[in-house]
């Protein structure tokens, strides 16, 4: 199956893949060759794309996932691969956000996303 993972400013993956694992509001799901057409909303999570026998992790803030005719397109917000994540600067951003008063829903969502990025950088992710 061919997979494209794209954000507003770049293409992260444009390759043939064996499997894609993503998360919707209803839970995690996987697609492989021959999957029936699907359209899903993606929530903040780590998308895992298996290609050439290795797995590529991509942290996303959200997006959409569309599969049809053995082509998968993921249009995602704020994607990061683990090697692009700087935990030191994320820690500074997290501290500033946690100190902000009042803590709005938008700030809580941003804190959760930055924590996801920090977790993605950890070796077990």
C-alpha atoms as a PDB file:
ATOM      1  CA  UNK A   1       0.000   0.000   0.000  1.00  0.00           C
ATOM      2  CA  UNK A   2       1.260   3.504  -0.744  1.00  0.00           C
ATOM      3  CA  UNK A   3       1.239   5.995   2.129  1.00  0.00           C
ATOM      4  CA  UNK A   4       1.588   9.755   2.246  1.00  0.00           C
ATOM      5  CA  UNK A   5       1.845  11.545   5.588  1.00  0.00           C
ATOM      6  CA  UNK A   6       1.695  15.276   4.975  1.00  0.00           C
ATOM      7  CA  UNK A   7       1.333  18.459   6.991  1.00  0.00           C
ATOM      8  CA  UNK A   8       0.705  21.991   5.778  1.00  0.00           C
ATOM      9  CA  UNK A   9       4.413  22.634   5.266  1.00  0.00           C
ATOM     10  CA  UNK A  10       6.056  19.276   4.480  1.00  0.00           C
ATOM     11  CA  UNK A  11       5.743  15.644   3.486  1.00  0.00           C
ATOM     12  CA  UNK A  12       6.961  13.267   6.187  1.00  0.00           C
ATOM     13  CA  UNK A  13       6.323   9.942   4.417  1.00  0.00           C
ATOM     14  CA  UNK A  14       5.747   9.199   0.721  1.00  0.00           C
ATOM     15  CA  UNK A  15       6.467   5.501   0.353  1.00  0.00           C
ATOM     16  CA  UNK A  16       5.113   2.002   0.033  1.00  0.00           C
ATOM     17  CA  UNK A  17       4.368   0.629   3.506  1.00  0.00           C
ATOM     18  CA  UNK A  18       3.313  -2.650   5.095  1.00  0.00           C
ATOM     19  CA  UNK A  19       1.161  -1.253   7.910  1.00  0.00           C
ATOM     20  CA  UNK A  20      -0.059   1.992   9.478  1.00  0.00           C
ATOM     21  CA  UNK A  21      -1.257   2.248  13.080  1.00  0.00           C
ATOM     22  CA  UNK A  22      -3.140   5.386  14.122  1.00  0.00           C
ATOM     23  CA  UNK A  23      -5.583   6.579  16.784  1.00  0.00           C
ATOM     24  CA  UNK A  24      -9.072   8.004  16.324  1.00  0.00           C
ATOM     25  CA  UNK A  25     -11.453   9.185  19.057  1.00  0.00           C
ATOM     26  CA  UNK A  26     -12.753   5.583  19.094  1.00  0.00           C
ATOM     27  CA  UNK A  27      -9.360   3.965  19.678  1.00  0.00           C
ATOM     28  CA  UNK A  28      -6.294   2.679  17.915  1.00  0.00           C
ATOM     29  CA  UNK A  29      -6.595   0.941  14.542  1.00  0.00           C
ATOM     30  CA  UNK A  30      -4.287  -0.515  11.903  1.00  0.00           C
ATOM     31  CA  UNK A  31      -4.528  -0.767   8.140  1.00  0.00           C
ATOM     32  CA  UNK A  32      -2.601  -2.956   5.706  1.00  0.00           C
ATOM     33  CA  UNK A  33      -2.727  -3.840   2.014  1.00  0.00           C
ATOM     34  CA  UNK A  34      -6.243  -4.358   0.701  1.00  0.00           C
ATOM     35  CA  UNK A  35      -7.978  -2.518   3.546  1.00  0.00           C
ATOM     36  CA  UNK A  36     -11.526  -1.371   2.853  1.00  0.00           C
ATOM     37  CA  UNK A  37     -11.998   2.375   2.302  1.00  0.00           C
ATOM     38  CA  UNK A  38     -11.886   4.341   5.538  1.00  0.00           C
ATOM     39  CA  UNK A  39     -12.032   7.968   6.596  1.00  0.00           C
ATOM     40  CA  UNK A  40     -11.095   8.776  10.183  1.00  0.00           C
ATOM     41  CA  UNK A  41     -10.318  11.774  12.355  1.00  0.00           C
ATOM     42  CA  UNK A  42      -6.984  11.470  14.166  1.00  0.00           C
ATOM     43  CA  UNK A  43      -6.416  12.602  17.747  1.00  0.00           C
ATOM     44  CA  UNK A  44      -3.117  13.642  19.362  1.00  0.00           C
ATOM     45  CA  UNK A  45      -1.076  10.459  19.302  1.00  0.00           C
ATOM     46  CA  UNK A  46       1.863   8.657  17.740  1.00  0.00           C
ATOM     47  CA  UNK A  47       1.232   7.279  14.255  1.00  0.00           C
ATOM     48  CA  UNK A  48       3.389   4.238  13.479  1.00  0.00           C
ATOM     49  CA  UNK A  49       4.246   3.482   9.854  1.00  0.00           C
ATOM     50  CA  UNK A  50       5.978   0.197   9.051  1.00  0.00           C
ATOM     51  CA  UNK A  51       8.079   0.288   5.901  1.00  0.00           C
ATOM     52  CA  UNK A  52      11.037  -1.772   4.743  1.00  0.00           C
ATOM     53  CA  UNK A  53      10.899  -3.852   7.926  1.00  0.00           C
ATOM     54  CA  UNK A  54      11.294  -0.856  10.256  1.00  0.00           C
ATOM     55  CA  UNK A  55       8.789   1.286  12.084  1.00  0.00           C
ATOM     56  CA  UNK A  56       8.674   5.086  11.793  1.00  0.00           C
ATOM     57  CA  UNK A  57       7.008   6.903  14.702  1.00  0.00           C
ATOM     58  CA  UNK A  58       5.418  10.297  14.053  1.00  0.00           C
ATOM     59  CA  UNK A  59       3.848  12.330  16.870  1.00  0.00           C
ATOM     60  CA  UNK A  60       0.866  14.358  15.644  1.00  0.00           C
ATOM     61  CA  UNK A  61      -1.518  16.863  17.200  1.00  0.00           C
ATOM     62  CA  UNK A  62      -4.410  15.604  15.045  1.00  0.00           C
ATOM     63  CA  UNK A  63      -5.531  15.212  11.469  1.00  0.00           C
ATOM     64  CA  UNK A  64      -7.392  12.976   9.066  1.00  0.00           C
ATOM     65  CA  UNK A  65      -6.728   9.494   7.692  1.00  0.00           C
ATOM     66  CA  UNK A  66      -8.104   8.338   4.352  1.00  0.00           C
ATOM     67  CA  UNK A  67      -7.605   4.936   2.703  1.00  0.00           C
ATOM     68  CA  UNK A  68      -8.922   4.011  -0.723  1.00  0.00           C
ATOM     69  CA  UNK A  69      -7.630   1.758  -3.525  1.00  0.00           C
ATOM     70  CA  UNK A  70      -4.542   0.742  -1.531  1.00  0.00           C
ATOM     71  CA  UNK A  71      -3.530   4.390  -1.021  1.00  0.00           C
ATOM     72  CA  UNK A  72      -3.396   5.933   2.453  1.00  0.00           C
ATOM     73  CA  UNK A  73      -3.279   9.687   2.975  1.00  0.00           C
ATOM     74  CA  UNK A  74      -2.746  11.186   6.410  1.00  0.00           C
ATOM     75  CA  UNK A  75      -3.106  14.963   6.629  1.00  0.00           C
ATOM     76  CA  UNK A  76      -1.682  15.830  10.019  1.00  0.00           C
ATOM     77  CA  UNK A  77      -1.059  18.788  12.303  1.00  0.00           C
ATOM     78  CA  UNK A  78       2.325  19.533  13.897  1.00  0.00           C
ATOM     79  CA  UNK A  79       4.104  16.253  13.090  1.00  0.00           C
ATOM     80  CA  UNK A  80       7.415  15.388  14.718  1.00  0.00           C
ATOM     81  CA  UNK A  81       9.679  12.370  14.308  1.00  0.00           C
ATOM     82  CA  UNK A  82      11.542  11.394  17.509  1.00  0.00           C
ATOM     83  CA  UNK A  83      14.872  12.759  16.195  1.00  0.00           C
ATOM     84  CA  UNK A  84      13.263  16.190  15.662  1.00  0.00           C
ATOM     85  CA  UNK A  85      12.180  16.575  19.288  1.00  0.00           C
ATOM     86  CA  UNK A  86      14.232  18.727  21.683  1.00  0.00           C
ATOM     87  CA  UNK A  87      13.143  17.704  25.186  1.00  0.00           C
ATOM     88  CA  UNK A  88      15.024  20.589  26.850  1.00  0.00           C
ATOM     89  CA  UNK A  89      13.109  23.271  24.971  1.00  0.00           C
ATOM     90  CA  UNK A  90       9.852  21.327  25.435  1.00  0.00           C
ATOM     91  CA  UNK A  91      10.491  21.260  29.199  1.00  0.00           C
ATOM     92  CA  UNK A  92      10.847  25.046  29.198  1.00  0.00           C
ATOM     93  CA  UNK A  93       7.625  25.451  27.219  1.00  0.00           C
ATOM     94  CA  UNK A  94       5.818  23.059  29.564  1.00  0.00           C
ATOM     95  CA  UNK A  95       6.983  24.973  32.640  1.00  0.00           C
ATOM     96  CA  UNK A  96       5.764  28.261  31.163  1.00  0.00           C
ATOM     97  CA  UNK A  97       2.385  26.781  30.228  1.00  0.00           C
ATOM     98  CA  UNK A  98       1.911  25.142  33.629  1.00  0.00           C
ATOM     99  CA  UNK A  99       2.609  28.495  35.314  1.00  0.00           C
ATOM    100  CA  UNK A 100      -0.009  30.272  33.212  1.00  0.00           C
ATOM    101  CA  UNK A 101      -3.176  31.369  35.007  1.00  0.00           C
ATOM    102  CA  UNK A 102      -5.909  30.647  34.272  1.00  0.00           C
ATOM    103  CA  UNK A 103      -5.314  27.276  32.657  1.00  0.00           C
ATOM    104  CA  UNK A 104      -7.699  27.232  29.712  1.00  0.00           C
ATOM    105  CA  UNK A 105      -8.787  24.219  27.671  1.00  0.00           C
ATOM    106  CA  UNK A 106      -6.402  25.307  24.896  1.00  0.00           C
ATOM    107  CA  UNK A 107      -3.484  25.456  27.342  1.00  0.00           C
ATOM    108  CA  UNK A 108      -4.403  22.020  28.738  1.00  0.00           C
ATOM    109  CA  UNK A 109      -4.466  20.582  25.199  1.00  0.00           C
ATOM    110  CA  UNK A 110      -1.066  22.125  24.424  1.00  0.00           C
ATOM    111  CA  UNK A 111       0.401  20.728  27.660  1.00  0.00           C
ATOM    112  CA  UNK A 112      -0.910  17.268  26.755  1.00  0.00           C
ATOM    113  CA  UNK A 113       0.601  17.507  23.252  1.00  0.00           C
ATOM    114  CA  UNK A 114       4.005  18.645  24.543  1.00  0.00           C
ATOM    115  CA  UNK A 115       3.961  15.778  27.062  1.00  0.00           C
ATOM    116  CA  UNK A 116       3.195  13.399  24.170  1.00  0.00           C
ATOM    117  CA  UNK A 117       6.215  14.771  22.302  1.00  0.00           C
ATOM    118  CA  UNK A 118       8.444  14.224  25.342  1.00  0.00           C
ATOM    119  CA  UNK A 119       7.148  10.663  25.687  1.00  0.00           C
ATOM    120  CA  UNK A 120       7.718  10.031  21.959  1.00  0.00           C
ATOM    121  CA  UNK A 121      11.387  10.970  22.373  1.00  0.00           C
ATOM    122  CA  UNK A 122      11.871   8.298  25.049  1.00  0.00           C
ATOM    123  CA  UNK A 123      13.677   5.165  23.752  1.00  0.00           C
ATOM    124  CA  UNK A 124      10.715   2.795  24.242  1.00  0.00           C
ATOM    125  CA  UNK A 125       8.394   4.870  21.991  1.00  0.00           C
END
